[in-house]
Protein backbone atom coordinates (compact mmCIF):
# COMPACT_ATOMS: atom_id res chain seq x y z
CA MET A 1 39.62 47.75 71.78
CA ASN A 2 38.39 45.94 74.86
CA GLU A 3 36.34 42.78 75.02
CA GLN A 4 33.02 44.59 75.38
CA GLN A 5 33.65 46.71 72.29
CA ILE A 6 34.42 43.61 70.25
CA LYS A 7 31.15 41.98 71.40
CA ASP A 8 29.19 45.12 70.45
CA MET A 9 30.80 45.23 66.98
CA ILE A 10 29.96 41.57 66.31
CA GLN A 11 26.38 42.16 67.48
CA ASN A 12 26.02 45.11 65.07
CA ILE A 13 27.42 43.07 62.15
CA LEU A 14 25.01 40.20 62.85
CA GLU A 15 22.03 42.56 63.04
CA ASN A 16 22.99 44.24 59.76
CA MET A 17 23.40 40.85 58.03
CA SER A 18 20.00 39.73 59.32
CA ASN A 19 18.28 42.89 58.07
CA GLU A 20 19.94 42.60 54.65
CA GLN A 21 18.95 38.94 54.30
CA ASN A 22 15.30 39.70 55.17
CA THR A 23 15.25 42.47 52.58
CA ASN A 24 16.73 40.19 49.90
CA ASN A 25 14.29 37.39 50.75
CA GLN A 26 11.33 39.76 50.39
CA ASP A 27 12.69 40.98 47.05
CA SER A 28 13.00 37.37 45.93
CA VAL A 29 9.44 36.63 46.96
CA ASN A 30 8.18 39.70 45.11
CA GLU A 31 10.17 38.76 42.04
CA SER A 32 8.88 35.19 42.21
CA LEU A 33 5.29 36.35 42.47
CA SER A 34 5.83 38.69 39.57
CA ASN A 35 7.33 35.91 37.46
CA ASP A 36 4.51 33.53 38.34
CA THR A 37 1.96 36.12 37.27
CA THR A 38 3.81 36.76 34.03
CA SER A 39 4.22 33.03 33.40
CA THR A 40 0.54 32.37 34.04
CA SER A 41 -0.48 35.20 31.76
CA SER A 42 1.92 33.94 29.10
CA GLU A 43 0.64 30.39 29.42
CA ILE A 44 -2.93 31.59 29.01
CA GLU A 45 -1.99 33.42 25.84
CA GLN A 46 0.05 30.53 24.47
CA ASP A 47 -2.71 28.04 25.25
CA LYS A 48 -4.51 29.29 22.17
CA VAL A 49 -1.60 28.54 19.82
CA LEU A 50 0.21 25.56 21.38
CA PRO A 51 1.77 23.49 18.56
CA ASP A 52 0.71 19.88 18.04
CA ILE A 53 3.58 17.85 19.46
CA THR A 54 2.67 14.86 17.24
CA LYS A 55 3.57 16.92 14.17
CA ILE A 56 7.24 16.80 15.16
CA ASP A 57 9.12 14.33 12.96
CA ILE A 58 10.78 11.94 15.42
CA LYS A 59 13.31 10.97 12.76
CA LYS A 60 14.58 14.56 12.80
CA GLN A 61 14.14 15.38 16.48
CA PHE A 62 17.56 15.38 18.18
CA LEU A 63 17.99 16.25 21.86
CA VAL A 64 21.45 14.88 22.63
CA PRO A 65 23.79 17.68 23.83
CA HIS A 66 27.36 17.76 22.51
CA PRO A 67 27.17 14.56 20.40
CA HIS A 68 30.40 13.03 19.16
CA ASP A 69 28.97 12.44 15.68
CA LYS A 70 25.69 14.31 15.20
CA LYS A 71 25.66 13.77 11.44
CA GLY A 72 26.04 10.02 11.85
CA TYR A 73 23.42 9.96 14.60
CA LEU A 74 20.89 11.79 12.40
CA LYS A 75 21.63 9.42 9.52
CA LEU A 76 20.89 6.48 11.80
CA LYS A 77 17.62 8.09 12.94
CA SER A 78 16.52 8.60 9.33
CA TYR A 79 16.31 4.83 8.87
CA THR A 80 13.98 4.12 11.80
CA PRO A 81 11.09 5.68 13.72
CA ALA A 82 12.59 4.31 16.96
CA ARG A 83 13.00 6.94 19.69
CA LEU A 84 16.74 7.50 19.40
CA GLY A 85 18.55 10.59 20.64
CA MET A 86 15.85 11.64 23.12
CA TRP A 87 18.36 12.23 25.97
CA ARG A 88 17.50 12.78 29.63
CA THR A 89 17.49 15.11 32.60
CA GLY A 90 19.27 13.25 35.35
CA VAL A 91 17.80 9.75 35.22
CA ARG A 92 14.52 10.88 33.65
CA TYR A 93 13.44 11.49 30.06
CA LYS A 94 13.14 15.09 28.93
CA THR A 95 9.68 16.66 29.08
CA ALA A 96 9.30 16.79 25.30
CA SER A 97 9.96 13.04 25.04
CA VAL A 98 7.48 12.18 27.79
CA LEU A 99 4.76 14.36 26.26
CA ARG A 100 5.29 12.82 22.81
CA PHE A 101 5.11 9.31 24.27
CA GLN A 102 1.85 10.16 26.04
CA ALA A 103 0.39 11.74 22.89
CA ASP A 104 1.27 8.72 20.72
CA HIS A 105 -0.10 6.34 23.34
CA ALA A 106 -3.35 8.32 23.46
CA ALA A 107 -3.63 8.21 19.65
CA ALA A 108 -3.19 4.43 19.71
CA GLN A 109 -5.92 4.07 22.34
CA ASP A 110 -8.28 6.30 20.36
CA ALA A 111 -7.68 4.20 17.24
CA VAL A 112 -8.69 1.02 19.07
CA PHE A 113 -11.63 2.26 21.13
CA ASN A 114 -13.25 4.68 18.66
CA ASP A 115 -15.54 3.52 15.88
CA VAL A 116 -15.11 4.45 12.23
CA ASN A 117 -17.04 7.61 11.45
CA PRO A 118 -20.46 6.27 10.40
CA GLU A 119 -20.60 8.82 7.59
CA LEU A 120 -17.60 7.24 5.82
CA PRO A 121 -19.22 4.00 4.56
CA LYS A 122 -22.37 5.93 3.71
CA LYS A 123 -20.45 8.51 1.72
CA LEU A 124 -18.50 5.84 -0.18
CA GLY A 125 -21.63 3.80 -0.89
CA PHE A 126 -20.59 0.61 0.95
CA LEU A 127 -22.93 -2.08 2.17
CA GLU A 128 -22.83 -1.75 5.97
CA THR A 129 -22.70 -4.95 8.02
CA GLN A 130 -21.68 -6.02 11.52
CA THR A 131 -20.26 -9.23 12.93
CA GLU A 132 -21.79 -11.08 15.88
CA CYS A 133 -20.01 -8.64 18.22
CA THR A 134 -22.49 -6.47 20.07
CA SER A 135 -20.04 -3.87 21.40
CA LYS A 136 -16.41 -2.80 21.36
CA GLN A 137 -15.87 -4.66 24.62
CA ASP A 138 -17.29 -7.82 23.07
CA TYR A 139 -15.07 -7.33 20.03
CA LEU A 140 -11.90 -7.00 22.10
CA THR A 141 -12.61 -9.90 24.44
CA ARG A 142 -14.23 -12.35 22.00
CA PRO A 143 -12.23 -12.48 18.75
CA ASP A 144 -14.34 -15.43 17.57
CA HIS A 145 -17.41 -13.17 17.46
CA GLY A 146 -15.56 -10.90 15.04
CA ARG A 147 -15.11 -13.73 12.53
CA LYS A 148 -18.77 -14.54 11.98
CA PHE A 149 -22.07 -12.98 10.81
CA ASN A 150 -25.45 -13.86 12.19
CA ASP A 151 -28.20 -15.11 9.85
CA ASP A 152 -29.69 -11.64 9.31
CA MET A 153 -26.36 -10.25 8.10
CA VAL A 154 -25.81 -13.21 5.80
CA LYS A 155 -29.20 -12.53 4.21
CA LYS A 156 -28.42 -8.81 3.91
CA ILE A 157 -25.24 -9.57 2.00
CA LYS A 158 -26.95 -12.06 -0.32
CA ASP A 159 -29.75 -9.58 -1.05
CA ASN A 160 -27.54 -6.58 -1.79
CA VAL A 161 -24.22 -7.77 -3.22
CA THR A 162 -23.51 -9.21 -6.65
CA MET A 163 -22.94 -12.95 -6.31
CA HIS A 164 -20.03 -14.88 -7.90
CA PRO A 165 -17.77 -11.85 -8.49
CA LYS A 166 -14.19 -12.18 -9.60
CA ILE A 167 -13.14 -9.71 -6.88
CA GLN A 168 -14.98 -9.06 -3.65
CA MET A 169 -13.70 -5.98 -1.80
CA VAL A 170 -14.19 -5.79 1.97
CA VAL A 171 -13.37 -2.98 4.40
CA GLY A 172 -13.15 -3.91 8.08
CA ASP A 173 -12.53 -1.52 10.96
CA GLY A 174 -10.30 -4.03 12.76
CA LEU A 175 -8.15 -2.62 15.56
CA SER A 176 -7.73 0.86 14.12
CA SER A 177 -10.60 3.07 13.04
CA THR A 178 -8.01 5.78 12.40
CA ALA A 179 -6.29 3.66 9.74
CA ILE A 180 -9.53 3.12 7.83
CA GLU A 181 -10.47 6.79 7.84
CA ALA A 182 -6.95 7.82 6.80
CA ASN A 183 -6.40 5.34 3.94
CA VAL A 184 -9.60 3.91 2.45
CA PRO A 185 -10.78 7.05 0.59
CA ASP A 186 -7.47 7.10 -1.34
CA ILE A 187 -6.68 3.42 -1.72
CA LEU A 188 -9.93 2.20 -3.28
CA PRO A 189 -9.78 4.56 -6.30
CA ALA A 190 -6.12 3.54 -6.76
CA ILE A 191 -7.09 -0.16 -6.73
CA LYS A 192 -9.90 0.45 -9.27
CA THR A 193 -7.54 2.37 -11.56
CA GLY A 194 -4.93 -0.38 -11.36
CA LEU A 195 -7.45 -3.14 -12.02
CA LYS A 196 -8.74 -1.44 -15.16
CA SER A 197 -5.33 -1.94 -16.78
CA TYR A 198 -5.91 -5.70 -16.36
CA GLY A 199 -9.52 -5.57 -17.57
CA LEU A 200 -10.86 -6.02 -14.03
CA ASP A 201 -13.14 -3.92 -11.85
CA PHE A 202 -15.59 -3.88 -8.92
CA GLU A 203 -18.58 -1.71 -8.01
CA ASP A 204 -18.52 0.55 -4.95
CA LYS A 205 -22.01 -0.66 -4.03
CA ASP A 206 -20.62 -4.20 -3.74
CA VAL A 207 -17.92 -3.23 -1.27
CA ILE A 208 -18.84 -4.67 2.14
CA PHE A 209 -18.03 -2.59 5.21
CA VAL A 210 -17.78 -4.73 8.34
CA LYS A 211 -18.02 -3.24 11.82
CA TYR A 212 -16.15 -5.11 14.58
CA ALA A 213 -14.24 -7.12 11.98
CA ARG A 214 -11.51 -9.70 12.42
CA VAL A 215 -9.53 -10.89 9.39
CA GLY A 216 -11.28 -14.27 9.41
CA ILE A 217 -14.61 -12.69 8.45
CA GLU A 218 -13.40 -12.60 4.85
CA ASP A 219 -13.60 -16.39 4.84
CA GLN A 220 -17.34 -16.37 5.51
CA ILE A 221 -17.78 -13.57 2.97
CA GLY A 222 -16.00 -15.76 0.43
CA GLU A 223 -18.46 -18.58 1.07
CA ILE A 224 -21.49 -16.27 1.01
CA THR A 225 -20.61 -14.51 -2.26
CA ASP A 226 -18.70 -17.37 -3.94
CA ALA A 227 -16.08 -14.83 -5.01
CA ASP A 228 -12.94 -15.92 -6.85
CA VAL A 229 -10.85 -13.57 -4.71
CA VAL A 230 -11.65 -11.68 -1.52
CA CYS A 231 -9.52 -8.64 -0.67
CA MET A 232 -10.03 -7.27 2.83
CA LEU A 233 -8.66 -3.88 3.92
CA VAL A 234 -8.44 -3.78 7.71
CA GLY A 235 -7.03 -1.50 10.39
CA GLU A 236 -4.02 -3.02 12.13
CA ARG A 237 -3.18 -2.93 15.83
CA PRO A 238 -1.77 0.59 16.41
CA GLY A 239 1.56 1.26 18.09
CA LEU A 240 3.60 4.25 19.23
CA VAL A 241 5.00 4.78 15.72
CA THR A 242 1.62 5.23 14.03
CA ALA A 243 -2.07 4.57 14.62
CA LYS A 244 -2.84 4.74 10.88
CA SER A 245 -1.41 1.45 9.63
CA MET A 246 -3.71 -0.67 7.46
CA SER A 247 -3.21 -4.03 5.76
CA ALA A 248 -4.74 -5.91 2.85
CA TYR A 249 -5.50 -9.62 3.33
CA ILE A 250 -6.14 -11.36 0.03
CA ALA A 251 -7.33 -14.96 -0.39
CA TYR A 252 -8.26 -17.07 -3.41
CA LYS A 253 -11.66 -18.72 -2.85
CA PRO A 254 -11.44 -18.48 0.95
CA THR A 255 -13.42 -20.84 3.15
CA VAL A 256 -14.10 -20.85 6.87
CA ASP A 257 -11.21 -22.39 8.86
CA MET A 258 -8.83 -22.37 5.91
CA PRO A 259 -5.08 -22.22 6.78
CA GLU A 260 -3.77 -18.74 7.51
CA ALA A 261 -0.84 -19.52 5.18
CA ASN A 262 -3.26 -19.25 2.26
CA ARG A 263 -3.56 -15.49 2.69
CA THR A 264 -1.42 -12.99 0.84
CA VAL A 265 -0.77 -9.98 3.09
CA ILE A 266 0.25 -6.46 2.12
CA SER A 267 0.95 -4.53 5.31
CA ASN A 268 2.33 -1.23 6.60
CA ILE A 269 -0.05 0.89 4.51
CA HIS A 270 0.13 4.44 5.89
CA ASP A 271 1.69 7.79 5.07
CA GLY A 272 4.95 6.86 6.81
CA GLY A 273 5.18 3.40 5.22
CA MET A 274 3.62 2.43 1.89
CA PRO A 275 1.35 5.35 0.89
CA ALA A 276 -2.26 4.46 0.09
CA VAL A 277 -2.05 5.30 -3.62
CA GLU A 278 1.12 3.25 -4.10
CA ALA A 279 -0.37 0.38 -2.10
CA GLY A 280 -3.50 0.49 -4.26
CA ALA A 281 -1.48 -0.05 -7.44
CA TYR A 282 0.40 -2.93 -5.83
CA ILE A 283 -2.80 -4.57 -4.56
CA ALA A 284 -4.30 -4.38 -8.07
CA GLU A 285 -1.24 -6.12 -9.47
CA MET A 286 -1.43 -8.78 -6.77
CA LEU A 287 -5.16 -9.39 -7.39
CA ASN A 288 -4.49 -9.96 -11.08
CA LYS A 289 -1.64 -12.33 -10.27
CA ILE A 290 -3.79 -14.35 -7.84
CA LEU A 291 -6.63 -14.64 -10.35
CA LYS A 292 -4.22 -15.70 -13.05
CA ASN A 293 -2.54 -18.38 -10.92
CA LYS A 294 -5.65 -19.33 -8.89
CA LYS A 295 -3.52 -19.42 -5.76
CA SER A 296 -2.73 -17.09 -2.85
CA GLY A 297 -0.43 -17.08 0.16
CA ILE A 298 2.31 -19.70 0.36
CA GLU A 299 0.92 -21.60 -2.61
CA LEU A 300 1.26 -18.51 -4.81
CA LYS A 301 4.81 -17.97 -3.55
CA GLU A 302 5.72 -21.56 -4.47
CA ILE A 303 4.42 -21.03 -8.01
CA GLU A 304 6.40 -17.79 -8.35
CA ASN A 305 9.57 -19.48 -7.08
CA ALA A 306 9.13 -22.34 -9.52
CA GLN A 307 8.62 -19.90 -12.40
CA SER A 308 11.73 -17.91 -11.48
CA ASN A 309 13.83 -21.10 -11.44
């Protein structure tokens, strides 16, 4: 085979390789287009039934491949809602973890910026009031406005609420409207049931609902009503674990500018912490104890410590 024949053979091989590659590339393009069409069609169909990613229990979600001790890892996760075992793709979080983070962050924002459904206090028969805050923006930037009523609201309370009660119940939206909507309908009946075992009670019509409320508003309510005890249920600042957490702030004969240490606080009231019904029973017990000892907060704790010794 001479030199020219070798050159011709190489030329033929190169031409054949080029033709084959073009054919394969076109097949790949066709296949890709086909897959894209199928994927789009599938996504359109699935869009109607996409599962709610927030329903996934983070304590049970486990994305670590080939763990050394999966059983031990899952046991550790069962004790905390922290985002353990989420794993990564390269240096980035997995898509499921990112989407869940974004969903929880959105829920927290909604809890802060949305108002409590106006039908809730109406349905439960509460007296509706509002602090000096004129808007959500005012509430978030001027906490002092959320601790005080104007003169018209003070008059409204005096005209519609029973004065000098043993127990004055207050519901404030606080920093989580979601928490109020999720817990109040269950916790108030539980509190009433618990109080009856101690010979105590309150009327639903005397419950004061406060829009744009800070915890300190219970101090002015205490002065207005001259209540022995004020118990305020308020939505807490939401986080990525839950946007439904509510707390109860209880004070014996509260007054404006009283020390914060004089409040008894029962926190972490939500379905993943202390359930509303259980919290209601505990709050009723605490209200009876505060009335009996005529103290709340640190002063009540000192009395309990002295009694135990």
